[in-house]
Amino acid sequence: MNERVKYWVGLSDYDLETADAMLKSSRFLYVGFMYHQSIEKIIKAYFSFKKNDAAPFSHSLSYIAKKSDLYGMFSEQQKNFIDSLEPMNIEARYPSNKDRLFKSLNIEKCSEILNNTKELQQWIKEKL
């Protein structure tokens, strides 16, 4: 595994650990944001692995996955999952959207997202 891929994998792991810490402290808005970040970075790791190039400067999970040729390997469930993560990156950044996103997240929802994030991250890691 080259250094660029290791870099992205390490950041993805770190962001997942951060999400766990935020979940334990009930900081649900940031839990969702960090789940998105973790998946974004593992997809960028796959892009770097597959294309041997720098990952795109984008936060769009589906865009990066398509550019890396990973999207076509996703199940419908995985595609739906990354679609559900997309707003957690954008809406967490802008005040007008934060309230709506915050109201949609609770311990049960975040725990479900955690399980899906770990599964998808591991699935992608196995392809590296």
Protein backbone atom coordinates (compact mmCIF):
# COMPACT_ATOMS: atom_id res chain seq x y z
CA MET A 1 0.00 0.00 0.00
CA ASN A 2 1.54 3.32 -1.01
CA GLU A 3 1.90 6.31 1.30
CA ARG A 4 -1.01 8.23 -0.21
CA VAL A 5 -3.37 5.30 0.39
CA LYS A 6 -2.05 4.83 3.95
CA TYR A 7 -2.61 8.54 4.58
CA TRP A 8 -6.29 8.35 3.61
CA VAL A 9 -6.89 5.09 5.48
CA GLY A 10 -5.33 6.57 8.62
CA LEU A 11 -7.52 9.66 8.40
CA SER A 12 -10.62 7.53 7.81
CA ASP A 13 -9.84 5.47 10.92
CA TYR A 14 -9.16 8.61 12.95
CA ASP A 15 -12.46 10.19 11.87
CA LEU A 16 -14.35 7.01 12.77
CA GLU A 17 -12.75 7.03 16.23
CA THR A 18 -13.71 10.71 16.56
CA ALA A 19 -17.29 9.86 15.62
CA ASP A 20 -17.32 7.21 18.35
CA ALA A 21 -16.10 9.78 20.88
CA MET A 22 -18.77 12.25 19.76
CA LEU A 23 -21.43 9.52 20.01
CA LYS A 24 -20.40 8.75 23.59
CA SER A 25 -20.81 12.43 24.48
CA SER A 26 -24.13 12.77 22.55
CA ARG A 27 -22.70 15.32 20.10
CA PHE A 28 -24.95 13.94 17.38
CA LEU A 29 -24.47 16.69 14.80
CA TYR A 30 -20.76 16.02 14.72
CA VAL A 31 -21.24 12.26 14.84
CA GLY A 32 -22.96 12.42 11.45
CA PHE A 33 -20.35 14.80 10.08
CA MET A 34 -17.49 12.52 11.14
CA TYR A 35 -19.20 9.43 9.68
CA HIS A 36 -19.35 11.26 6.37
CA GLN A 37 -15.71 12.27 6.70
CA SER A 38 -14.65 8.71 7.46
CA ILE A 39 -16.38 7.32 4.38
CA GLU A 40 -15.15 10.19 2.21
CA LYS A 41 -11.56 9.45 3.18
CA ILE A 42 -11.77 5.68 2.71
CA ILE A 43 -13.23 6.27 -0.76
CA LYS A 44 -10.34 8.66 -1.44
CA ALA A 45 -7.97 5.91 -0.29
CA TYR A 46 -9.56 3.58 -2.82
CA PHE A 47 -9.31 6.24 -5.53
CA SER A 48 -5.62 6.73 -4.77
CA PHE A 49 -5.09 2.96 -4.77
CA LYS A 50 -6.96 2.33 -8.00
CA LYS A 51 -5.88 5.38 -9.99
CA ASN A 52 -2.43 5.94 -8.45
CA ASP A 53 -3.26 9.64 -8.38
CA ALA A 54 -4.36 12.33 -5.95
CA ALA A 55 -8.00 12.05 -4.93
CA PRO A 56 -10.49 14.62 -6.26
CA PHE A 57 -11.05 17.78 -4.25
CA SER A 58 -14.66 17.02 -3.50
CA HIS A 59 -16.80 16.06 -0.53
CA SER A 60 -19.40 14.28 -2.67
CA LEU A 61 -19.25 10.60 -1.80
CA SER A 62 -21.01 9.45 -4.95
CA TYR A 63 -18.83 11.66 -7.17
CA ILE A 64 -15.57 10.35 -5.69
CA ALA A 65 -16.87 6.77 -5.75
CA LYS A 66 -17.82 7.10 -9.41
CA LYS A 67 -14.45 8.64 -10.31
CA SER A 68 -12.70 5.73 -8.60
CA ASP A 69 -14.90 3.11 -10.31
CA LEU A 70 -16.05 1.96 -6.86
CA TYR A 71 -19.64 3.14 -7.24
CA GLY A 72 -20.46 0.42 -9.75
CA MET A 73 -19.45 -2.22 -7.20
CA PHE A 74 -21.74 -0.82 -4.49
CA SER A 75 -24.93 -2.66 -3.65
CA GLU A 76 -28.16 -0.69 -3.74
CA GLN A 77 -28.02 -0.60 0.07
CA GLN A 78 -24.51 0.91 -0.02
CA LYS A 79 -25.57 3.49 -2.62
CA ASN A 80 -28.55 4.45 -0.48
CA PHE A 81 -26.32 4.67 2.57
CA ILE A 82 -23.83 7.07 0.99
CA ASP A 83 -26.77 9.13 -0.28
CA SER A 84 -28.03 9.35 3.31
CA LEU A 85 -24.59 10.51 4.50
CA GLU A 86 -24.28 13.34 1.95
CA PRO A 87 -26.38 15.88 3.87
CA MET A 88 -24.41 15.26 7.06
CA ASN A 89 -21.40 16.96 5.52
CA ILE A 90 -23.17 19.95 3.97
CA GLU A 91 -25.88 20.56 6.52
CA ALA A 92 -23.50 20.37 9.47
CA ARG A 93 -21.54 23.28 7.99
CA TYR A 94 -24.33 25.79 7.47
CA PRO A 95 -26.38 27.28 10.32
CA SER A 96 -29.68 27.30 8.45
CA ASN A 97 -29.51 23.54 8.06
CA LYS A 98 -28.04 22.56 11.41
CA ASP A 99 -31.32 22.58 13.33
CA ARG A 100 -33.05 20.28 10.85
CA LEU A 101 -30.14 17.84 10.82
CA PHE A 102 -29.74 17.96 14.61
CA LYS A 103 -33.41 17.08 15.09
CA SER A 104 -33.04 14.04 12.83
CA LEU A 105 -30.17 12.53 14.83
CA ASN A 106 -30.44 10.65 18.11
CA ILE A 107 -28.60 7.80 19.79
CA GLU A 108 -30.51 5.11 17.90
CA LYS A 109 -30.07 6.74 14.50
CA CYS A 110 -26.38 7.47 15.11
CA SER A 111 -25.75 3.91 16.32
CA GLU A 112 -27.34 2.58 13.13
CA ILE A 113 -25.21 4.90 11.01
CA LEU A 114 -22.13 3.81 12.99
CA ASN A 115 -22.74 0.16 12.13
CA ASN A 116 -23.29 0.96 8.45
CA THR A 117 -20.19 3.18 8.37
CA LYS A 118 -18.00 0.50 9.90
CA GLU A 119 -19.35 -2.12 7.48
CA LEU A 120 -18.79 0.06 4.42
CA GLN A 121 -15.37 1.21 5.56
CA GLN A 122 -14.28 -2.40 6.14
CA TRP A 123 -15.73 -3.50 2.79
CA ILE A 124 -13.69 -0.83 1.01
CA LYS A 125 -10.54 -1.63 3.02
CA GLU A 126 -10.78 -5.24 1.86
CA LYS A 127 -10.52 -3.98 -1.72
CA LEU A 128 -7.23 -2.14 -1.07
